[in-house]
Protein backbone atom coordinates (compact mmCIF):
# COMPACT_ATOMS: atom_id res chain seq x y z
CA MET A 1 38.21 -27.48 -46.75
CA ALA A 2 41.77 -26.55 -47.22
CA ARG A 3 44.60 -26.87 -44.79
CA ILE A 4 46.46 -23.48 -44.36
CA LEU A 5 49.72 -23.14 -42.49
CA ILE A 6 50.63 -19.56 -41.64
CA THR A 7 53.89 -18.25 -40.04
CA SER A 8 54.72 -14.76 -39.08
CA ALA A 9 58.32 -13.53 -38.90
CA LEU A 10 59.52 -14.08 -35.37
CA PRO A 11 59.49 -10.89 -33.23
CA TYR A 12 62.92 -10.30 -31.82
CA ILE A 13 63.02 -10.60 -27.85
CA ASN A 14 64.91 -7.27 -27.24
CA GLY A 15 61.91 -5.21 -26.21
CA VAL A 16 58.40 -4.34 -27.00
CA LYS A 17 57.77 -4.14 -30.83
CA HIS A 18 56.81 -0.95 -32.67
CA LEU A 19 53.92 -0.47 -35.06
CA GLY A 20 56.25 -1.05 -38.00
CA ASN A 21 57.13 -4.61 -36.75
CA LEU A 22 53.47 -5.21 -36.14
CA VAL A 23 52.36 -4.33 -39.74
CA GLY A 24 55.38 -5.86 -41.28
CA SER A 25 54.44 -9.55 -40.44
CA MET A 26 52.21 -10.37 -37.32
CA LEU A 27 49.19 -8.30 -38.12
CA PRO A 28 48.64 -9.20 -41.74
CA ALA A 29 49.24 -12.92 -40.97
CA ASP A 30 46.57 -12.65 -38.38
CA LEU A 31 44.26 -10.84 -40.94
CA PHE A 32 44.73 -13.82 -43.22
CA ALA A 33 44.35 -16.48 -40.58
CA ARG A 34 41.08 -15.05 -39.33
CA TYR A 35 39.86 -14.83 -42.91
CA MET A 36 40.79 -18.33 -43.76
CA ARG A 37 39.13 -19.64 -40.48
CA ALA A 38 35.95 -17.54 -41.42
CA ARG A 39 35.76 -19.40 -44.67
CA GLY A 40 35.86 -22.66 -43.11
CA HIS A 41 39.45 -23.85 -43.61
CA GLU A 42 41.65 -25.73 -41.14
CA VAL A 43 44.44 -23.20 -40.10
CA LEU A 44 47.52 -23.60 -38.05
CA PHE A 45 48.87 -20.20 -37.30
CA LEU A 46 52.34 -20.28 -35.64
CA CYS A 47 54.72 -17.51 -34.22
CA ALA A 48 57.33 -17.37 -31.53
CA THR A 49 60.03 -14.89 -29.92
CA ASP A 50 63.25 -15.03 -31.52
CA GLU A 51 65.47 -15.23 -28.56
CA HIS A 52 69.07 -15.91 -29.63
CA GLY A 53 71.95 -13.75 -30.72
CA THR A 54 73.81 -10.83 -29.45
CA PRO A 55 70.83 -8.43 -29.08
CA ALA A 56 69.31 -10.63 -26.61
CA GLU A 57 72.39 -10.61 -24.50
CA LEU A 58 72.82 -6.92 -24.80
CA ALA A 59 69.23 -6.36 -23.93
CA ALA A 60 69.44 -8.54 -20.83
CA ALA A 61 72.59 -7.00 -19.65
CA LYS A 62 70.92 -3.48 -19.93
CA ALA A 63 67.98 -4.76 -17.93
CA GLY A 64 70.31 -6.30 -15.30
CA LEU A 65 68.97 -9.74 -15.87
CA PRO A 66 70.46 -13.14 -16.84
CA VAL A 67 69.68 -13.62 -20.37
CA ALA A 68 67.40 -16.63 -19.90
CA ASP A 69 65.42 -14.75 -17.30
CA TYR A 70 65.06 -11.74 -19.53
CA CYS A 71 63.98 -13.82 -22.44
CA ALA A 72 61.26 -15.60 -20.33
CA TRP A 73 59.99 -12.20 -19.12
CA MET A 74 59.98 -10.54 -22.46
CA HIS A 75 58.24 -13.61 -23.96
CA GLY A 76 55.44 -13.05 -21.52
CA VAL A 77 55.29 -9.26 -22.27
CA GLN A 78 55.06 -9.89 -26.12
CA LYS A 79 52.47 -12.63 -25.64
CA ARG A 80 50.27 -10.27 -23.51
CA LEU A 81 50.53 -7.49 -26.12
CA GLY A 82 49.84 -9.80 -29.05
CA ASP A 83 46.80 -10.96 -27.13
CA GLY A 84 45.82 -7.25 -26.64
CA PHE A 85 46.12 -6.65 -30.39
CA GLY A 86 43.92 -9.77 -31.04
CA LEU A 87 46.73 -11.81 -32.62
CA SER A 88 45.18 -15.27 -32.99
CA PHE A 89 48.14 -17.48 -32.95
CA ASP A 90 47.30 -21.04 -32.50
CA HIS A 91 50.66 -21.14 -30.61
CA PHE A 92 53.26 -18.38 -29.64
CA GLY A 93 56.28 -20.20 -28.83
CA ARG A 94 59.91 -19.54 -28.03
CA SER A 95 63.07 -20.31 -30.23
CA SER A 96 64.98 -21.18 -27.01
CA SER A 97 62.49 -24.18 -26.53
CA PRO A 98 63.74 -27.76 -26.29
CA GLN A 99 62.04 -28.67 -29.29
CA ASN A 100 63.98 -26.00 -31.31
CA HIS A 101 67.33 -27.23 -29.62
CA ARG A 102 66.67 -30.71 -30.73
CA LEU A 103 65.46 -29.81 -34.38
CA THR A 104 68.29 -27.30 -34.78
CA GLN A 105 70.89 -29.91 -33.94
CA HIS A 106 69.11 -32.44 -36.09
CA PHE A 107 69.17 -30.29 -39.20
CA ALA A 108 72.79 -29.52 -38.58
CA GLY A 109 73.66 -33.10 -38.45
CA ARG A 110 71.69 -33.89 -41.61
CA LEU A 111 73.42 -31.11 -43.44
CA ALA A 112 76.83 -32.13 -42.28
CA GLU A 113 76.27 -35.73 -43.43
CA ALA A 114 75.20 -34.28 -46.93
CA GLY A 115 78.51 -32.41 -47.12
CA LEU A 116 76.77 -28.90 -46.80
CA ILE A 117 78.35 -27.64 -43.77
CA GLU A 118 82.17 -26.67 -43.80
CA GLU A 119 84.60 -25.76 -41.14
CA ARG A 120 86.47 -22.50 -41.83
CA SER A 121 88.98 -20.46 -39.83
CA GLU A 122 88.62 -16.71 -39.79
CA ARG A 123 89.78 -13.65 -37.95
CA GLN A 124 87.38 -12.08 -35.63
CA VAL A 125 87.34 -8.98 -33.30
CA TYR A 126 88.67 -10.09 -29.74
CA SER A 127 88.31 -7.93 -26.68
CA PRO A 128 90.98 -8.58 -24.11
CA THR A 129 89.16 -6.46 -21.60
CA ASP A 130 86.03 -8.65 -22.00
CA GLY A 131 87.93 -11.73 -22.46
CA ARG A 132 85.84 -12.80 -25.24
CA PHE A 133 85.29 -12.66 -29.23
CA LEU A 134 82.98 -9.91 -30.13
CA PRO A 135 80.39 -10.99 -32.78
CA ASP A 136 78.92 -8.38 -35.08
CA ARG A 137 76.59 -6.42 -32.73
CA TYR A 138 78.88 -6.51 -29.93
CA VAL A 139 81.07 -4.13 -31.78
CA GLU A 140 79.89 -0.55 -32.29
CA GLY A 141 81.73 2.49 -34.02
CA THR A 142 81.30 5.23 -36.63
CA CYS A 143 79.84 4.20 -39.97
CA PRO A 144 82.20 4.65 -42.92
CA ASN A 145 79.47 5.45 -45.16
CA CYS A 146 77.39 8.14 -43.23
CA GLY A 147 79.46 8.96 -40.28
CA TYR A 148 76.81 7.87 -37.79
CA ALA A 149 78.49 7.38 -34.35
CA HIS A 150 76.38 4.37 -33.22
CA ALA A 151 76.76 2.04 -36.05
CA ARG A 152 76.76 -1.84 -35.25
CA GLY A 153 79.11 -4.29 -36.56
CA ASP A 154 76.58 -5.76 -38.81
CA GLN A 155 74.57 -2.86 -40.03
CA CYS A 156 74.40 0.93 -39.72
CA GLU A 157 70.88 1.74 -38.47
CA ASN A 158 71.07 5.37 -39.90
CA CYS A 159 71.89 4.55 -43.47
CA THR A 160 71.12 0.80 -43.52
CA LYS A 161 74.54 -0.23 -45.07
CA GLN A 162 75.51 -3.74 -44.39
CA LEU A 163 78.93 -3.73 -42.53
CA ASP A 164 81.49 -6.03 -41.04
CA PRO A 165 82.96 -4.99 -37.70
CA THR A 166 86.35 -4.37 -39.27
CA ASP A 167 84.56 -1.73 -41.38
CA LEU A 168 83.77 0.64 -38.35
CA ILE A 169 85.91 3.76 -37.70
CA ASP A 170 86.94 3.94 -34.04
CA PRO A 171 85.39 0.57 -33.02
CA ARG A 172 84.68 -0.26 -29.44
CA SER A 173 83.10 -3.08 -27.36
CA ALA A 174 79.29 -2.67 -27.00
CA ILE A 175 79.70 -4.60 -23.61
CA SER A 176 82.37 -2.48 -21.87
CA GLY A 177 83.28 0.24 -24.17
CA ALA A 178 86.94 -0.98 -24.39
CA THR A 179 88.98 0.17 -27.63
CA ASP A 180 91.81 -2.16 -27.08
CA LEU A 181 90.40 -4.50 -29.68
CA GLU A 182 92.37 -6.80 -31.79
CA MET A 183 91.89 -9.48 -34.54
CA ARG A 184 92.37 -13.23 -33.46
CA GLU A 185 91.67 -16.50 -35.40
CA THR A 186 88.69 -18.64 -34.60
CA LYS A 187 86.81 -21.45 -36.37
CA HIS A 188 83.32 -21.38 -37.55
CA LEU A 189 80.82 -23.53 -39.38
CA TYR A 190 79.46 -22.36 -42.84
CA LEU A 191 76.33 -23.57 -44.61
CA ARG A 192 77.47 -24.12 -48.16
CA GLN A 193 74.56 -22.33 -49.87
CA SER A 194 76.70 -21.95 -53.04
CA ALA A 195 76.25 -25.80 -53.58
CA MET A 196 72.44 -25.38 -53.41
CA GLN A 197 72.30 -22.29 -55.87
CA GLU A 198 70.98 -24.31 -58.95
CA ARG A 199 68.36 -26.26 -56.87
CA LEU A 200 67.28 -23.08 -55.23
CA ASP A 201 67.10 -21.22 -58.50
CA ALA A 202 64.93 -24.13 -59.99
CA TRP A 203 62.61 -23.93 -57.00
CA LEU A 204 62.13 -20.35 -57.28
CA ASP A 205 61.23 -20.63 -60.85
CA GLY A 206 58.43 -22.84 -59.92
CA GLN A 207 56.96 -20.24 -57.55
CA THR A 208 54.41 -18.25 -59.57
CA GLY A 209 52.42 -15.31 -58.48
CA TRP A 210 54.63 -14.30 -55.72
CA PRO A 211 54.82 -10.48 -54.85
CA VAL A 212 57.47 -8.77 -56.97
CA LEU A 213 59.10 -7.49 -53.82
CA THR A 214 59.81 -11.16 -52.62
CA THR A 215 61.06 -12.42 -55.96
CA SER A 216 63.22 -9.35 -56.85
CA ILE A 217 65.04 -9.57 -53.55
CA ALA A 218 65.58 -13.44 -53.76
CA ARG A 219 66.82 -12.96 -57.40
CA LYS A 220 69.10 -10.39 -56.46
CA TRP A 221 70.76 -12.35 -53.70
CA LEU A 222 71.11 -15.32 -56.08
CA HIS A 223 72.53 -13.72 -59.09
CA ASP A 224 74.39 -10.55 -58.04
CA GLY A 225 78.15 -10.78 -58.04
CA ASP A 226 79.32 -14.25 -57.74
CA GLY A 227 76.08 -15.79 -56.86
CA LEU A 228 74.62 -17.15 -53.56
CA ARG A 229 77.34 -16.98 -50.81
CA ASP A 230 78.08 -19.56 -48.01
CA ARG A 231 76.77 -18.37 -44.85
CA GLY A 232 78.27 -18.74 -41.30
CA ILE A 233 75.98 -20.55 -38.94
CA THR A 234 77.85 -20.48 -35.63
CA ARG A 235 78.83 -17.75 -33.28
CA ASP A 236 81.11 -17.34 -30.13
CA LEU A 237 78.43 -16.69 -27.65
CA ASP A 238 77.33 -18.05 -24.40
CA TRP A 239 73.57 -17.85 -25.09
CA GLY A 240 72.08 -19.99 -28.03
CA ILE A 241 71.54 -23.57 -29.11
CA PRO A 242 74.94 -25.59 -28.54
CA VAL A 243 76.59 -26.80 -31.80
CA ARG A 244 76.04 -30.55 -32.06
CA LYS A 245 75.47 -32.94 -34.77
CA GLY A 246 72.14 -34.41 -33.74
CA ASP A 247 72.94 -36.19 -30.37
CA ALA A 248 76.64 -36.21 -30.97
CA ASP A 249 79.30 -33.60 -29.94
CA TRP A 250 80.95 -31.63 -32.72
CA PRO A 251 84.77 -31.69 -32.05
CA GLY A 252 86.17 -28.22 -32.32
CA MET A 253 83.06 -26.50 -31.70
CA GLU A 254 82.87 -26.64 -28.04
CA GLY A 255 81.64 -23.42 -26.48
CA LYS A 256 80.09 -22.23 -29.56
CA VAL A 257 76.35 -21.84 -30.51
CA PHE A 258 74.32 -21.82 -33.79
CA TYR A 259 73.80 -18.34 -35.35
CA VAL A 260 70.33 -17.03 -34.59
CA TRP A 261 69.39 -16.89 -38.33
CA PHE A 262 70.17 -20.62 -38.61
CA ASP A 263 68.05 -21.57 -35.64
CA ALA A 264 65.25 -19.01 -35.90
CA PRO A 265 63.44 -20.22 -39.03
CA ILE A 266 63.81 -23.75 -37.59
CA GLU A 267 61.62 -22.53 -34.75
CA TYR A 268 58.72 -22.42 -37.22
CA ILE A 269 58.72 -26.20 -37.20
CA ALA A 270 59.76 -26.46 -33.53
CA CYS A 271 56.77 -24.22 -32.74
CA GLY A 272 54.45 -26.83 -34.29
CA ALA A 273 55.90 -29.41 -32.09
CA GLU A 274 55.41 -27.02 -29.09
CA TRP A 275 51.84 -26.59 -30.05
CA ALA A 276 51.09 -30.14 -30.18
CA GLU A 277 52.69 -30.90 -26.81
CA ALA A 278 50.72 -27.99 -25.31
CA GLN A 279 47.57 -29.52 -26.67
CA GLY A 280 48.48 -32.97 -25.39
CA LEU A 281 48.90 -34.36 -28.88
CA ASP A 282 51.42 -36.79 -30.22
CA ALA A 283 54.10 -36.02 -32.93
CA ASP A 284 51.75 -36.84 -35.79
CA ALA A 285 49.73 -33.92 -35.02
CA TRP A 286 52.48 -31.42 -35.98
CA GLN A 287 54.25 -33.57 -38.67
CA ARG A 288 50.93 -33.61 -40.69
CA TRP A 289 51.61 -29.99 -41.10
CA TRP A 290 55.42 -30.08 -41.66
CA ARG A 291 56.46 -33.38 -43.35
CA THR A 292 55.09 -34.30 -46.82
CA ASP A 293 55.40 -37.97 -45.92
CA GLN A 294 52.94 -37.47 -43.01
CA GLY A 295 50.26 -35.73 -45.00
CA ALA A 296 51.63 -32.08 -45.40
CA GLY A 297 51.65 -32.41 -49.12
CA ASP A 298 48.07 -30.90 -49.29
CA VAL A 299 49.00 -28.06 -47.00
CA ARG A 300 49.31 -24.58 -48.27
CA TYR A 301 52.22 -22.87 -46.41
CA VAL A 302 52.11 -18.98 -46.28
CA GLN A 303 54.75 -16.88 -44.67
CA PHE A 304 54.39 -13.12 -43.65
CA MET A 305 57.62 -10.89 -43.18
CA GLY A 306 59.24 -7.60 -43.68
CA LYS A 307 61.55 -7.35 -46.75
CA ASP A 308 64.65 -7.40 -44.75
CA ASN A 309 63.85 -11.07 -43.85
CA VAL A 310 63.16 -12.19 -47.40
CA PRO A 311 66.61 -13.50 -48.26
CA PHE A 312 66.73 -15.90 -45.19
CA HIS A 313 63.21 -17.33 -46.14
CA THR A 314 63.60 -17.57 -49.71
CA LEU A 315 67.21 -19.01 -49.69
CA SER A 316 68.82 -19.97 -46.39
CA PHE A 317 65.79 -21.78 -44.87
CA PRO A 318 64.83 -23.63 -48.11
CA ALA A 319 68.56 -24.58 -48.35
CA THR A 320 68.43 -25.98 -44.86
CA LEU A 321 65.13 -27.97 -45.45
CA MET A 322 66.25 -29.20 -48.88
CA GLY A 323 69.76 -29.91 -48.06
CA SER A 324 68.56 -32.10 -45.19
CA GLY A 325 67.37 -34.76 -47.64
CA GLU A 326 64.17 -35.06 -45.65
CA PRO A 327 60.58 -34.53 -46.93
CA TRP A 328 59.95 -31.15 -45.16
CA LYS A 329 57.23 -28.85 -46.33
CA LEU A 330 58.46 -25.84 -48.14
CA VAL A 331 56.82 -22.44 -48.42
CA ASP A 332 54.16 -21.97 -51.11
CA TYR A 333 53.81 -18.31 -50.86
CA ILE A 334 55.66 -15.45 -49.16
CA LYS A 335 54.01 -12.26 -48.50
CA SER A 336 56.67 -9.49 -47.89
CA PHE A 337 56.09 -5.83 -46.84
CA ASN A 338 58.16 -2.67 -47.19
CA TYR A 339 58.74 -0.51 -44.34
CA LEU A 340 56.37 1.71 -42.17
CA THR A 341 58.11 5.02 -41.43
CA TYR A 342 57.12 7.24 -38.53
CA ASP A 343 56.30 10.88 -39.02
CA GLY A 344 59.27 11.79 -41.39
CA GLY A 345 61.74 9.35 -39.95
CA GLN A 346 62.23 5.72 -39.04
CA PHE A 347 60.73 3.53 -36.47
CA SER A 348 63.52 2.39 -34.29
CA THR A 349 63.49 -0.18 -31.35
CA SER A 350 67.13 0.58 -30.29
CA GLN A 351 66.42 4.36 -30.17
CA GLY A 352 62.80 4.07 -29.03
CA ARG A 353 61.53 6.24 -31.78
CA GLY A 354 57.81 5.84 -32.65
CA VAL A 355 54.67 4.20 -31.20
CA PHE A 356 55.20 0.91 -29.50
CA MET A 357 52.63 -1.88 -28.89
CA ASP A 358 52.29 -1.01 -25.30
CA ASP A 359 51.84 2.67 -25.80
CA ALA A 360 49.41 2.15 -28.55
CA LEU A 361 47.07 -0.06 -26.45
CA GLU A 362 47.39 2.36 -23.58
CA ILE A 363 45.97 5.28 -25.59
CA LEU A 364 43.37 3.61 -27.88
CA PRO A 365 41.62 0.28 -28.55
CA ALA A 366 43.53 -2.10 -30.59
CA ASP A 367 40.96 -2.03 -33.47
CA ALA A 368 41.69 1.66 -34.22
CA TRP A 369 45.36 0.57 -34.71
CA ARG A 370 44.56 -2.56 -36.54
CA TRP A 371 42.32 -0.71 -38.96
CA TRP A 372 45.03 2.09 -39.80
CA LEU A 373 47.74 -0.30 -39.98
CA LEU A 374 46.17 -2.85 -42.42
CA SER A 375 44.41 -0.26 -44.48
CA HIS A 376 47.89 1.52 -45.06
CA ALA A 377 49.99 -1.75 -45.12
CA PRO A 378 53.30 -1.07 -46.92
CA GLU A 379 52.79 -3.54 -49.70
CA THR A 380 53.85 -1.83 -52.99
CA GLY A 381 56.18 0.92 -51.28
CA ASP A 382 56.93 2.33 -47.77
CA SER A 383 54.03 3.83 -45.94
CA GLU A 384 54.39 6.65 -43.52
CA PHE A 385 52.52 6.94 -40.15
CA THR A 386 51.26 10.46 -39.28
CA TRP A 387 49.10 11.48 -36.58
CA GLU A 388 46.91 13.50 -39.03
CA GLY A 389 46.37 10.54 -41.13
CA PHE A 390 45.73 8.18 -38.34
CA GLN A 391 43.17 10.66 -36.87
CA THR A 392 41.41 11.17 -40.37
CA ALA A 393 41.08 7.33 -40.86
CA VAL A 394 39.74 6.61 -37.35
CA ASN A 395 37.32 9.42 -37.48
CA LYS A 396 36.16 9.11 -41.06
CA ASP A 397 36.21 5.26 -41.64
CA LEU A 398 35.51 3.78 -38.20
CA ALA A 399 33.39 6.41 -36.37
CA ASP A 400 31.59 8.34 -39.23
CA VAL A 401 30.89 5.33 -41.58
CA LEU A 402 30.76 2.06 -39.64
CA GLY A 403 30.01 3.43 -36.05
CA ASN A 404 27.40 5.97 -37.31
CA PHE A 405 25.51 3.29 -39.23
CA VAL A 406 25.31 1.03 -36.29
CA SER A 407 24.31 3.78 -33.95
CA ARG A 408 21.69 5.21 -36.06
CA VAL A 409 20.02 1.85 -37.09
CA THR A 410 19.98 0.51 -33.56
CA LYS A 411 18.85 3.63 -31.83
CA PHE A 412 16.17 4.36 -34.29
CA CYS A 413 14.90 0.86 -33.93
CA ARG A 414 14.74 1.00 -30.10
CA THR A 415 12.91 4.26 -30.25
CA ARG A 416 10.19 3.30 -32.89
CA PHE A 417 9.98 -0.49 -32.68
CA GLY A 418 11.70 -1.66 -29.41
CA GLU A 419 14.74 -3.77 -29.07
CA ALA A 420 13.89 -6.48 -31.46
CA VAL A 421 14.04 -6.96 -35.18
CA PRO A 422 10.79 -5.52 -36.44
CA GLY A 423 8.39 -7.41 -38.75
CA GLY A 424 6.26 -6.19 -41.44
CA GLY A 425 6.79 -4.63 -44.94
CA GLU A 426 8.61 -5.97 -47.98
CA TRP A 427 11.90 -5.24 -49.78
CA GLY A 428 11.57 -3.08 -52.95
CA PRO A 429 13.91 -1.68 -55.59
CA GLN A 430 16.28 -0.01 -53.25
CA GLU A 431 16.94 -3.15 -51.27
CA ASP A 432 17.45 -5.12 -54.43
CA ALA A 433 19.98 -2.48 -55.76
CA LEU A 434 21.83 -2.77 -52.40
CA ILE A 435 21.94 -6.55 -52.44
CA ALA A 436 23.27 -6.54 -55.99
CA GLU A 437 25.92 -4.01 -55.22
CA LEU A 438 27.04 -5.91 -51.92
CA GLN A 439 26.98 -9.29 -53.77
CA ALA A 440 29.53 -7.77 -56.25
CA ARG A 441 31.60 -6.02 -53.57
CA LEU A 442 31.58 -9.16 -51.53
CA ALA A 443 33.12 -11.21 -54.54
CA ALA A 444 35.76 -8.51 -54.90
CA TYR A 445 36.61 -8.40 -51.26
CA ALA A 446 36.95 -12.13 -51.03
CA ALA A 447 39.14 -12.09 -54.25
CA HIS A 448 41.44 -9.55 -52.63
CA MET A 449 41.71 -11.39 -49.36
CA ASP A 450 42.39 -14.66 -51.20
CA ALA A 451 45.22 -13.00 -52.93
CA ILE A 452 46.38 -11.39 -49.75
CA GLU A 453 46.06 -7.85 -51.19
CA VAL A 454 45.64 -6.14 -47.85
CA ARG A 455 45.14 -2.51 -48.74
CA LYS A 456 42.74 -3.50 -51.67
CA SER A 457 40.61 -5.76 -49.19
CA ALA A 458 40.49 -2.75 -46.72
CA ALA A 459 39.26 -0.54 -49.40
CA GLU A 460 36.59 -2.94 -50.58
CA LEU A 461 35.41 -3.54 -46.95
CA ARG A 462 35.14 0.26 -46.43
CA ALA A 463 33.14 0.61 -49.69
CA ILE A 464 30.69 -2.11 -48.32
CA TRP A 465 30.37 0.01 -45.12
CA VAL A 466 29.69 3.02 -47.22
CA ALA A 467 27.03 1.22 -49.36
CA GLY A 468 24.97 0.68 -46.29
CA ASN A 469 25.31 4.25 -45.32
CA GLU A 470 24.12 5.53 -48.60
CA TYR A 471 21.21 3.00 -48.56
CA LEU A 472 20.19 4.11 -45.22
CA GLN A 473 20.26 7.79 -46.17
CA ALA A 474 18.31 7.24 -49.35
CA ALA A 475 15.71 4.82 -47.83
CA ALA A 476 15.28 7.29 -44.90
CA PRO A 477 13.30 4.98 -42.49
CA TRP A 478 12.69 8.09 -40.19
CA ALA A 479 10.78 9.68 -42.93
CA ALA A 480 9.00 6.51 -44.18
CA PHE A 481 7.92 5.87 -40.65
CA LYS A 482 5.54 8.86 -40.61
CA GLU A 483 3.50 7.60 -43.48
CA ASP A 484 4.37 3.81 -43.76
CA PRO A 485 5.62 2.19 -40.59
CA ASP A 486 5.68 -1.13 -42.35
CA ARG A 487 8.12 0.26 -44.87
CA ALA A 488 10.33 1.72 -42.03
CA ALA A 489 10.27 -1.75 -40.45
CA ALA A 490 11.55 -3.42 -43.64
CA ILE A 491 14.35 -0.96 -44.03
CA ILE A 492 15.31 -1.43 -40.31
CA ARG A 493 15.12 -5.16 -40.51
CA LEU A 494 17.59 -5.18 -43.45
CA SER A 495 19.98 -2.73 -41.84
CA LEU A 496 20.10 -4.65 -38.52
CA ASN A 497 21.02 -7.73 -40.45
CA LEU A 498 23.47 -5.60 -42.37
CA ILE A 499 25.18 -5.01 -39.13
CA ARG A 500 25.68 -8.66 -38.61
CA LEU A 501 27.02 -8.96 -42.07
CA TYR A 502 29.32 -6.10 -41.29
CA ALA A 503 30.53 -7.93 -38.19
CA VAL A 504 31.33 -11.03 -40.04
CA LEU A 505 33.16 -9.33 -42.95
CA SER A 506 34.99 -6.80 -40.67
CA ALA A 507 36.09 -9.47 -38.14
CA PRO A 508 39.45 -10.27 -39.80
CA PHE A 509 40.34 -6.44 -39.53
CA ILE A 510 38.63 -5.29 -36.50
CA PRO A 511 37.83 -8.49 -34.43
CA HIS A 512 36.93 -6.99 -31.00
CA THR A 513 34.49 -4.61 -32.75
CA ALA A 514 32.94 -7.63 -34.65
CA ASP A 515 32.61 -9.38 -31.19
CA ALA A 516 30.99 -6.27 -29.76
CA LEU A 517 28.41 -6.22 -32.68
CA CYS A 518 27.57 -9.74 -32.36
CA ALA A 519 27.12 -9.48 -28.77
CA ALA A 520 24.80 -6.48 -29.13
CA LEU A 521 22.90 -8.43 -31.79
CA GLN A 522 22.70 -11.44 -29.49
CA THR A 523 23.93 -13.78 -32.20
CA ASP A 524 26.72 -16.41 -32.43
CA ASP A 525 26.07 -16.65 -36.23
CA ARG A 526 29.36 -15.90 -37.78
CA ALA A 527 28.61 -17.87 -41.06
CA TRP A 528 30.23 -16.32 -44.28
CA PRO A 529 27.77 -14.67 -46.32
CA ASP A 530 28.13 -16.48 -49.69
CA ASP A 531 24.70 -15.23 -50.72
CA VAL A 532 23.94 -11.79 -49.45
CA LYS A 533 20.33 -11.95 -49.88
CA THR A 534 20.06 -14.87 -47.47
CA ALA A 535 22.54 -13.41 -45.19
CA LEU A 536 20.18 -10.46 -44.69
CA THR A 537 17.63 -12.55 -43.30
CA ALA A 538 19.77 -14.18 -40.59
CA LEU A 539 17.97 -12.19 -37.82
CA PRO A 540 14.33 -12.93 -38.12
CA PRO A 541 11.52 -10.61 -36.77
CA GLY A 542 11.39 -10.67 -33.04
CA HIS A 543 15.11 -11.44 -32.62
CA GLY A 544 16.31 -9.38 -29.62
CA PHE A 545 19.26 -6.83 -29.65
CA SER A 546 20.65 -4.23 -27.50
CA VAL A 547 22.06 -0.80 -28.54
CA PRO A 548 25.91 -1.05 -28.26
CA GLY A 549 27.95 1.69 -26.77
CA ASN A 550 29.90 4.05 -28.94
CA LEU A 551 31.95 1.89 -31.14
CA PHE A 552 34.72 4.39 -31.99
CA ASP A 553 35.46 7.72 -30.16
CA LYS A 554 36.61 10.17 -32.51
CA ILE A 555 40.29 11.52 -31.96
CA THR A 556 40.16 15.11 -31.14
CA ASP A 557 42.79 17.71 -32.32
CA ALA A 558 43.89 18.05 -28.66
CA GLN A 559 44.54 14.55 -28.58
CA ARG A 560 46.39 14.37 -31.81
CA ILE A 561 48.76 17.12 -30.67
CA GLU A 562 49.33 15.74 -27.32
CA TRP A 563 50.22 12.19 -28.77
CA HIS A 564 52.42 13.78 -31.47
CA ASP A 565 54.45 15.71 -28.79
CA ARG A 566 54.53 12.77 -26.40
CA PHE A 567 55.92 10.33 -28.96
CA ALA A 568 58.25 12.72 -30.82
CA GLY A 569 61.22 12.13 -28.41
CA GLY A 570 61.22 8.23 -28.18
CA ARG A 571 60.86 6.03 -25.14
CA GLY A 572 63.67 7.39 -23.20
């Protein structure tokens, strides 16, 4: 049994997440966690809301709430929606937790002692009207690259160009709209990433088999231009983790907080501490996952994230862990994803464009979304969500292939043999051929899942469903029953067991459906089918079952048109 530590990039706190956020980190991480648990491994799957930084303050102000209250409320909303989508986190924490405060300040102290933090003076935008400095996202204006009128001081959402507030044309305060902005001097702390460049380079050289998307982004940041740049780790904000060296004050840094991109990855570790405390466990329980001197040396640590997060997880966070001089567990594999686009454009949280998690669950069960998103995961390039493609996948894959097989088998058995697995008859050449095909496909499916090849895994799972349909159609128990009821019984007995096999194999992708199938089959047997032939005898003759309701309703053309029009204009 292996020990697998899994973290998903932290969803930001400023609102409900859209489907692009979901498939870019949390959902594939859940797929892998569920699969690894099904294979008998010990898994710790951690995630949390990312609650600091300017967007949190802006979102709270828009909602008319104190930022702490807004974050507490939105954490509850995101937790509820994650549960609705079946995200099986062992703990869903908060980057504003006391544990993260302590750990972030601890790391800052260690890095300062190692000479890896430097105080620098810089000029920053100041708003006399607001009486405060304005960090990046507190400044809005026109993008100098594309002319977009609502670009932020860190990035233009329209053309994605990285910006500084001083790059913007006609800049204004995002708080008050004031334009009487000026430049004033302030002091901030910088993590001397440049001093870690050789060490990070050597570490990355030792990571084999990572996705090209991950390594290419990391190498670009390491080697383009003058190499890895030092990065500011403090901000002039009210909301965040106060700047301290462990338990000690940091002279000159009063009133400042750590930059969100410094404290957010540290929350992965702090989330482990939150999990242990919530379970009534001591520090050893989480440290055995996170410290190599406490047993984490045999842990495999896998991270999931969108490509925009790769630089921070391949460079900044490892620099923090290595630079501390302490034996922290470093990531073993980073699975990164491209973007999911929406119907010819971009998903956008700030503009409310696309389908968001709450809307999705309102109109269809979670498994319909899980299946489409995972089977179209943007692994090798961007993927596009269209309502036509979504309708096709739900109707053909889920309703016509999986749902139809379950319905035909269970209803035929109820009609001809009653609601119990029938006895009689023997397997013949058709069953042997099916078992051989399923055994080969099972091996391919497991290999793709082990390698975290999401789309290939989905394609192999669908092929396993198709194989059952093709077998049922060829074996034709409805015809066999007329002349040889025992032969029909053998076909149906295998097919009922095949439904249980489908439930087990499909559970990482569509867990709610898998639960419904196991409930209908009146079984708690979720054993992974290493040997298909043995697995297809798990439900013996006489084992009772009930016919499940319709697993998946087809999406009608009228529904597709209605939803397309409904979500074309954003969330208002």
